[in-house]
Amino acid sequence: MEDIFVARLMSTDVYTVSPDTLVEDAARAMREREIGSVVVVDERNAIEGILTSTDFVDIVAERKPKDETPVSAYMTANVTTASAQQSVREVAAILTDEGVHHLPIVDDDEGVIGMVSTSDLAAYLSERERPSAV
């Protein structure tokens, strides 16, 4: 399998929110856009955290008023990230080693520039590794 830069398969239309965005608004945006995560950024687009569909299990289980709870209360801080110049193999290893399904792609100057998910990798592999006709 050819190893390519992750920039070739990352999604670039990452949906971002501020730390004070309400979880209800984040959930609505995720549902409308059919995405599994939102990246929490500051005013410079620097990553502060990530909120995934898995985090909503905790939100519902704790029964906090969703219209009064900011995403910062549930986001994962200290987010593992990758750069667009890393290889697909490196990114796959990060996803596996960290046990995460969403990996923000960041640039030192621009902040968050993309997202790679386990679904992106599966789609890439299924396209690259199709069996040849006999």
N, C-alpha and C. Protein backbone atom coordinates (compact mmCIF):
# COMPACT_ATOMS: atom_id res chain seq x y z
N MET A 1 0.85 -1.18 0.00
CA MET A 1 0.00 0.00 0.00
C MET A 1 0.89 1.24 0.00
N GLU A 2 0.59 2.15 -0.89
CA GLU A 2 1.30 3.42 -0.96
C GLU A 2 0.99 4.25 0.28
N ASP A 3 2.01 4.83 0.88
CA ASP A 3 1.81 5.68 2.06
C ASP A 3 1.78 7.13 1.59
N ILE A 4 0.67 7.80 1.83
CA ILE A 4 0.49 9.18 1.38
C ILE A 4 0.39 10.11 2.58
N PHE A 5 0.51 11.41 2.30
CA PHE A 5 0.30 12.39 3.36
C PHE A 5 -1.18 12.43 3.71
N VAL A 6 -1.46 12.61 4.98
CA VAL A 6 -2.83 12.63 5.46
C VAL A 6 -3.62 13.79 4.87
N ALA A 7 -2.96 14.82 4.41
CA ALA A 7 -3.64 15.97 3.80
C ALA A 7 -4.51 15.55 2.62
N ARG A 8 -4.15 14.43 1.96
CA ARG A 8 -4.92 13.98 0.80
C ARG A 8 -6.26 13.36 1.17
N LEU A 9 -6.44 12.94 2.42
CA LEU A 9 -7.72 12.32 2.76
C LEU A 9 -8.45 13.00 3.91
N MET A 10 -7.85 14.02 4.51
CA MET A 10 -8.54 14.69 5.63
C MET A 10 -9.71 15.53 5.13
N SER A 11 -10.69 15.68 5.98
CA SER A 11 -11.81 16.59 5.71
C SER A 11 -11.35 17.99 6.07
N THR A 12 -11.64 18.95 5.23
CA THR A 12 -11.21 20.32 5.51
C THR A 12 -12.34 21.20 5.99
N ASP A 13 -13.55 20.72 5.96
CA ASP A 13 -14.68 21.51 6.43
C ASP A 13 -15.01 21.17 7.88
N VAL A 14 -14.03 21.39 8.74
CA VAL A 14 -14.16 21.08 10.17
C VAL A 14 -15.09 22.09 10.81
N TYR A 15 -16.03 21.59 11.59
CA TYR A 15 -16.94 22.48 12.30
C TYR A 15 -16.34 22.79 13.66
N THR A 16 -16.15 24.06 13.94
CA THR A 16 -15.55 24.47 15.21
C THR A 16 -16.54 25.26 16.04
N VAL A 17 -16.33 25.22 17.35
CA VAL A 17 -17.15 25.97 18.30
C VAL A 17 -16.21 26.61 19.32
N SER A 18 -16.73 27.57 20.05
CA SER A 18 -15.96 28.18 21.13
C SER A 18 -16.24 27.40 22.41
N PRO A 19 -15.39 27.54 23.43
CA PRO A 19 -15.59 26.80 24.68
C PRO A 19 -16.92 27.11 25.37
N ASP A 20 -17.50 28.27 25.12
CA ASP A 20 -18.75 28.62 25.78
C ASP A 20 -20.00 28.26 24.97
N THR A 21 -19.83 27.61 23.84
CA THR A 21 -20.97 27.11 23.07
C THR A 21 -21.74 26.11 23.91
N LEU A 22 -23.04 26.20 23.91
CA LEU A 22 -23.84 25.26 24.68
C LEU A 22 -23.86 23.88 24.03
N VAL A 23 -23.87 22.84 24.85
CA VAL A 23 -23.86 21.48 24.30
C VAL A 23 -25.08 21.23 23.42
N GLU A 24 -26.20 21.83 23.74
CA GLU A 24 -27.40 21.69 22.92
C GLU A 24 -27.13 22.21 21.50
N ASP A 25 -26.47 23.35 21.39
CA ASP A 25 -26.16 23.91 20.08
C ASP A 25 -25.14 23.06 19.34
N ALA A 26 -24.16 22.54 20.06
CA ALA A 26 -23.17 21.66 19.43
C ALA A 26 -23.83 20.39 18.92
N ALA A 27 -24.73 19.82 19.71
CA ALA A 27 -25.43 18.60 19.30
C ALA A 27 -26.27 18.84 18.07
N ARG A 28 -26.97 19.96 18.04
CA ARG A 28 -27.80 20.29 16.88
C ARG A 28 -26.94 20.41 15.62
N ALA A 29 -25.82 21.10 15.75
CA ALA A 29 -24.92 21.27 14.60
C ALA A 29 -24.38 19.93 14.12
N MET A 30 -24.02 19.06 15.06
CA MET A 30 -23.49 17.75 14.68
C MET A 30 -24.54 16.93 13.95
N ARG A 31 -25.77 16.98 14.44
CA ARG A 31 -26.86 16.23 13.80
C ARG A 31 -27.16 16.79 12.42
N GLU A 32 -27.26 18.11 12.30
CA GLU A 32 -27.58 18.72 11.01
C GLU A 32 -26.50 18.46 9.97
N ARG A 33 -25.25 18.44 10.40
CA ARG A 33 -24.12 18.26 9.48
C ARG A 33 -23.72 16.79 9.32
N GLU A 34 -24.36 15.92 10.13
CA GLU A 34 -24.06 14.50 10.12
C GLU A 34 -22.58 14.24 10.36
N ILE A 35 -22.08 14.87 11.45
CA ILE A 35 -20.68 14.71 11.83
C ILE A 35 -20.60 14.14 13.24
N GLY A 36 -19.49 13.55 13.58
CA GLY A 36 -19.34 12.90 14.87
C GLY A 36 -18.57 13.69 15.90
N SER A 37 -18.13 14.91 15.54
CA SER A 37 -17.37 15.70 16.50
C SER A 37 -17.35 17.17 16.10
N VAL A 38 -17.08 18.00 17.11
CA VAL A 38 -16.80 19.42 16.87
C VAL A 38 -15.49 19.72 17.57
N VAL A 39 -14.70 20.59 16.96
CA VAL A 39 -13.43 20.98 17.55
C VAL A 39 -13.65 22.31 18.28
N VAL A 40 -13.18 22.37 19.50
CA VAL A 40 -13.32 23.57 20.32
C VAL A 40 -12.04 24.39 20.15
N VAL A 41 -12.21 25.64 19.68
CA VAL A 41 -11.07 26.51 19.39
C VAL A 41 -11.22 27.86 20.08
N ASP A 42 -10.08 28.54 20.22
CA ASP A 42 -10.13 29.90 20.75
C ASP A 42 -10.27 30.88 19.59
N GLU A 43 -10.19 32.15 19.88
CA GLU A 43 -10.40 33.18 18.85
C GLU A 43 -9.33 33.18 17.76
N ARG A 44 -8.19 32.53 17.99
CA ARG A 44 -7.13 32.43 16.98
C ARG A 44 -7.20 31.11 16.19
N ASN A 45 -8.24 30.30 16.43
CA ASN A 45 -8.42 29.00 15.80
C ASN A 45 -7.45 27.96 16.35
N ALA A 46 -6.87 28.24 17.52
CA ALA A 46 -6.01 27.26 18.18
C ALA A 46 -6.90 26.28 18.94
N ILE A 47 -6.56 25.02 18.85
CA ILE A 47 -7.40 23.98 19.44
C ILE A 47 -7.34 24.01 20.96
N GLU A 48 -8.51 23.94 21.57
CA GLU A 48 -8.63 23.86 23.03
C GLU A 48 -9.21 22.53 23.47
N GLY A 49 -9.93 21.85 22.59
CA GLY A 49 -10.52 20.58 22.94
C GLY A 49 -11.32 20.00 21.80
N ILE A 50 -11.95 18.88 22.06
CA ILE A 50 -12.81 18.22 21.08
C ILE A 50 -14.00 17.63 21.82
N LEU A 51 -15.15 17.72 21.22
CA LEU A 51 -16.37 17.13 21.78
C LEU A 51 -16.90 16.16 20.73
N THR A 52 -17.06 14.90 21.12
CA THR A 52 -17.49 13.88 20.17
C THR A 52 -18.85 13.33 20.57
N SER A 53 -19.43 12.59 19.66
CA SER A 53 -20.73 11.98 19.94
C SER A 53 -20.65 11.07 21.17
N THR A 54 -19.52 10.48 21.42
CA THR A 54 -19.34 9.64 22.60
C THR A 54 -19.48 10.45 23.89
N ASP A 55 -19.04 11.70 23.88
CA ASP A 55 -19.16 12.56 25.06
C ASP A 55 -20.61 12.81 25.46
N PHE A 56 -21.51 12.70 24.50
CA PHE A 56 -22.92 12.94 24.81
C PHE A 56 -23.52 11.85 25.70
N VAL A 57 -22.87 10.71 25.78
CA VAL A 57 -23.31 9.67 26.71
C VAL A 57 -23.18 10.21 28.13
N ASP A 58 -22.06 10.84 28.43
CA ASP A 58 -21.86 11.43 29.76
C ASP A 58 -22.84 12.57 30.01
N ILE A 59 -23.06 13.38 29.00
CA ILE A 59 -23.97 14.52 29.15
C ILE A 59 -25.37 14.03 29.53
N VAL A 60 -25.85 13.03 28.82
CA VAL A 60 -27.18 12.50 29.08
C VAL A 60 -27.21 11.78 30.43
N ALA A 61 -26.18 11.00 30.70
CA ALA A 61 -26.14 10.22 31.94
C ALA A 61 -26.13 11.11 33.18
N GLU A 62 -25.48 12.25 33.09
CA GLU A 62 -25.40 13.14 34.25
C GLU A 62 -26.62 14.05 34.38
N ARG A 63 -27.46 14.06 33.37
CA ARG A 63 -28.72 14.81 33.40
C ARG A 63 -28.56 16.28 33.76
N LYS A 64 -27.50 16.88 33.27
CA LYS A 64 -27.34 18.31 33.49
C LYS A 64 -28.21 19.04 32.48
N PRO A 65 -28.70 20.20 32.83
CA PRO A 65 -29.51 20.95 31.85
C PRO A 65 -28.67 21.29 30.63
N LYS A 66 -29.01 20.67 29.52
CA LYS A 66 -28.18 20.85 28.33
C LYS A 66 -28.18 22.27 27.82
N ASP A 67 -29.21 23.04 28.11
CA ASP A 67 -29.23 24.40 27.59
C ASP A 67 -28.45 25.37 28.47
N GLU A 68 -27.84 24.86 29.55
CA GLU A 68 -27.04 25.70 30.43
C GLU A 68 -25.60 25.22 30.55
N THR A 69 -25.25 24.20 29.80
CA THR A 69 -23.94 23.59 29.95
C THR A 69 -23.06 23.89 28.73
N PRO A 70 -21.92 24.54 28.95
CA PRO A 70 -21.02 24.81 27.82
C PRO A 70 -20.24 23.55 27.43
N VAL A 71 -19.79 23.50 26.19
CA VAL A 71 -19.03 22.33 25.72
C VAL A 71 -17.75 22.15 26.51
N SER A 72 -17.21 23.23 27.06
CA SER A 72 -15.97 23.12 27.83
C SER A 72 -16.12 22.20 29.04
N ALA A 73 -17.34 21.99 29.51
CA ALA A 73 -17.57 21.10 30.65
C ALA A 73 -17.38 19.63 30.28
N TYR A 74 -17.47 19.28 29.01
CA TYR A 74 -17.40 17.89 28.58
C TYR A 74 -16.35 17.60 27.53
N MET A 75 -15.76 18.63 26.95
CA MET A 75 -14.78 18.40 25.88
C MET A 75 -13.55 17.69 26.43
N THR A 76 -12.86 17.00 25.56
CA THR A 76 -11.58 16.43 25.90
C THR A 76 -10.55 17.51 25.64
N ALA A 77 -9.81 17.88 26.67
CA ALA A 77 -8.72 18.84 26.52
C ALA A 77 -7.45 18.04 26.22
N ASN A 78 -6.36 18.72 26.00
CA ASN A 78 -5.10 18.03 25.68
C ASN A 78 -5.30 17.05 24.52
N VAL A 79 -5.86 17.56 23.45
CA VAL A 79 -6.22 16.75 22.30
C VAL A 79 -4.99 16.33 21.51
N THR A 80 -4.94 15.07 21.18
CA THR A 80 -3.90 14.57 20.29
C THR A 80 -4.21 15.07 18.89
N THR A 81 -3.22 15.60 18.21
CA THR A 81 -3.40 16.13 16.87
C THR A 81 -2.33 15.57 15.94
N ALA A 82 -2.47 15.89 14.67
CA ALA A 82 -1.47 15.51 13.68
C ALA A 82 -1.31 16.67 12.71
N SER A 83 -0.29 16.60 11.89
CA SER A 83 -0.08 17.62 10.86
C SER A 83 -0.43 17.04 9.50
N ALA A 84 -0.70 17.91 8.56
CA ALA A 84 -1.08 17.48 7.20
C ALA A 84 0.07 16.76 6.49
N GLN A 85 1.29 16.92 6.98
CA GLN A 85 2.44 16.28 6.35
C GLN A 85 2.75 14.90 6.91
N GLN A 86 1.99 14.47 7.91
CA GLN A 86 2.22 13.12 8.43
C GLN A 86 1.61 12.09 7.47
N SER A 87 2.17 10.91 7.50
CA SER A 87 1.70 9.87 6.60
C SER A 87 0.42 9.22 7.15
N VAL A 88 -0.29 8.58 6.26
CA VAL A 88 -1.50 7.87 6.64
C VAL A 88 -1.16 6.79 7.66
N ARG A 89 -0.04 6.11 7.48
CA ARG A 89 0.37 5.08 8.44
C ARG A 89 0.59 5.68 9.83
N GLU A 90 1.25 6.83 9.90
CA GLU A 90 1.48 7.48 11.19
C GLU A 90 0.15 7.85 11.86
N VAL A 91 -0.76 8.41 11.08
CA VAL A 91 -2.05 8.83 11.62
C VAL A 91 -2.86 7.61 12.06
N ALA A 92 -2.82 6.54 11.30
CA ALA A 92 -3.53 5.32 11.69
C ALA A 92 -2.97 4.80 13.01
N ALA A 93 -1.66 4.87 13.17
CA ALA A 93 -1.04 4.42 14.43
C ALA A 93 -1.48 5.30 15.60
N ILE A 94 -1.57 6.60 15.38
CA ILE A 94 -2.01 7.52 16.44
C ILE A 94 -3.44 7.18 16.85
N LEU A 95 -4.33 7.02 15.86
CA LEU A 95 -5.72 6.69 16.17
C LEU A 95 -5.83 5.40 16.97
N THR A 96 -5.07 4.42 16.58
CA THR A 96 -5.09 3.12 17.26
C THR A 96 -4.48 3.22 18.66
N ASP A 97 -3.30 3.82 18.75
CA ASP A 97 -2.61 3.91 20.03
C ASP A 97 -3.40 4.73 21.05
N GLU A 98 -4.02 5.81 20.59
CA GLU A 98 -4.76 6.70 21.49
C GLU A 98 -6.20 6.23 21.73
N GLY A 99 -6.68 5.30 20.90
CA GLY A 99 -8.04 4.80 21.05
C GLY A 99 -9.09 5.86 20.75
N VAL A 100 -8.81 6.71 19.76
CA VAL A 100 -9.74 7.77 19.38
C VAL A 100 -10.25 7.53 17.96
N HIS A 101 -11.35 8.18 17.63
CA HIS A 101 -11.94 8.03 16.30
C HIS A 101 -11.85 9.29 15.45
N HIS A 102 -11.48 10.40 16.07
CA HIS A 102 -11.36 11.68 15.37
C HIS A 102 -10.02 12.32 15.72
N LEU A 103 -9.28 12.73 14.70
CA LEU A 103 -7.96 13.32 14.91
C LEU A 103 -7.89 14.66 14.19
N PRO A 104 -7.90 15.77 14.94
CA PRO A 104 -7.77 17.07 14.29
C PRO A 104 -6.40 17.23 13.65
N ILE A 105 -6.39 17.86 12.49
CA ILE A 105 -5.17 18.16 11.77
C ILE A 105 -4.91 19.65 11.96
N VAL A 106 -3.72 19.98 12.45
CA VAL A 106 -3.41 21.37 12.77
C VAL A 106 -2.18 21.86 12.02
N ASP A 107 -2.15 23.18 11.86
CA ASP A 107 -1.03 23.88 11.26
C ASP A 107 -0.55 24.90 12.28
N ASP A 108 0.75 25.06 12.42
CA ASP A 108 1.28 25.99 13.42
C ASP A 108 0.78 27.42 13.23
N ASP A 109 0.57 27.83 11.99
CA ASP A 109 0.14 29.20 11.72
C ASP A 109 -1.38 29.35 11.66
N GLU A 110 -2.06 28.38 11.08
CA GLU A 110 -3.50 28.50 10.83
C GLU A 110 -4.38 27.83 11.89
N GLY A 111 -3.80 27.06 12.77
CA GLY A 111 -4.61 26.34 13.76
C GLY A 111 -5.21 25.09 13.14
N VAL A 112 -6.47 24.83 13.44
CA VAL A 112 -7.15 23.64 12.94
C VAL A 112 -7.45 23.80 11.45
N ILE A 113 -6.97 22.83 10.65
CA ILE A 113 -7.19 22.90 9.20
C ILE A 113 -7.92 21.69 8.65
N GLY A 114 -8.11 20.66 9.47
CA GLY A 114 -8.78 19.47 8.96
C GLY A 114 -9.06 18.47 10.05
N MET A 115 -9.64 17.35 9.63
CA MET A 115 -10.00 16.27 10.55
C MET A 115 -9.87 14.95 9.80
N VAL A 116 -9.33 13.96 10.47
CA VAL A 116 -9.28 12.61 9.93
C VAL A 116 -9.98 11.71 10.94
N SER A 117 -10.85 10.87 10.43
CA SER A 117 -11.57 9.93 11.30
C SER A 117 -11.24 8.50 10.89
N THR A 118 -11.62 7.59 11.74
CA THR A 118 -11.43 6.19 11.40
C THR A 118 -12.23 5.83 10.15
N SER A 119 -13.35 6.50 9.94
CA SER A 119 -14.14 6.27 8.72
C SER A 119 -13.38 6.72 7.49
N ASP A 120 -12.65 7.82 7.58
CA ASP A 120 -11.83 8.29 6.46
C ASP A 120 -10.77 7.25 6.10
N LEU A 121 -10.14 6.70 7.13
CA LEU A 121 -9.11 5.68 6.88
C LEU A 121 -9.71 4.41 6.29
N ALA A 122 -10.86 4.01 6.79
CA ALA A 122 -11.51 2.81 6.25
C ALA A 122 -11.87 3.01 4.79
N ALA A 123 -12.39 4.19 4.46
CA ALA A 123 -12.74 4.49 3.07
C ALA A 123 -11.50 4.47 2.18
N TYR A 124 -10.42 5.05 2.65
CA TYR A 124 -9.16 5.05 1.90
C TYR A 124 -8.67 3.63 1.67
N LEU A 125 -8.66 2.83 2.72
CA LEU A 125 -8.19 1.45 2.59
C LEU A 125 -9.08 0.62 1.67
N SER A 126 -10.38 0.81 1.76
CA SER A 126 -11.27 0.02 0.91
C SER A 126 -11.08 0.37 -0.55
N GLU A 127 -10.76 1.61 -0.82
CA GLU A 127 -10.52 2.04 -2.21
C GLU A 127 -9.17 1.53 -2.72
N ARG A 128 -8.14 1.59 -1.86
CA ARG A 128 -6.79 1.21 -2.25
C ARG A 128 -6.60 -0.29 -2.31
N GLU A 129 -7.31 -1.03 -1.49
CA GLU A 129 -7.05 -2.46 -1.34
C GLU A 129 -8.11 -3.34 -1.98
N ARG A 130 -8.81 -2.82 -2.97
CA ARG A 130 -9.82 -3.64 -3.64
C ARG A 130 -9.16 -4.82 -4.34
N PRO A 131 -9.74 -5.99 -4.19
CA PRO A 131 -9.15 -7.15 -4.85
C PRO A 131 -9.26 -7.01 -6.37
N SER A 132 -8.25 -7.48 -7.04
CA SER A 132 -8.30 -7.40 -8.51
C SER A 132 -9.14 -8.55 -9.06
N ALA A 133 -9.71 -8.29 -10.21
CA ALA A 133 -10.53 -9.32 -10.87
C ALA A 133 -9.65 -10.47 -11.30
N VAL A 134 -10.14 -11.69 -11.14
CA VAL A 134 -9.36 -12.87 -11.51
C VAL A 134 -9.59 -13.22 -12.93
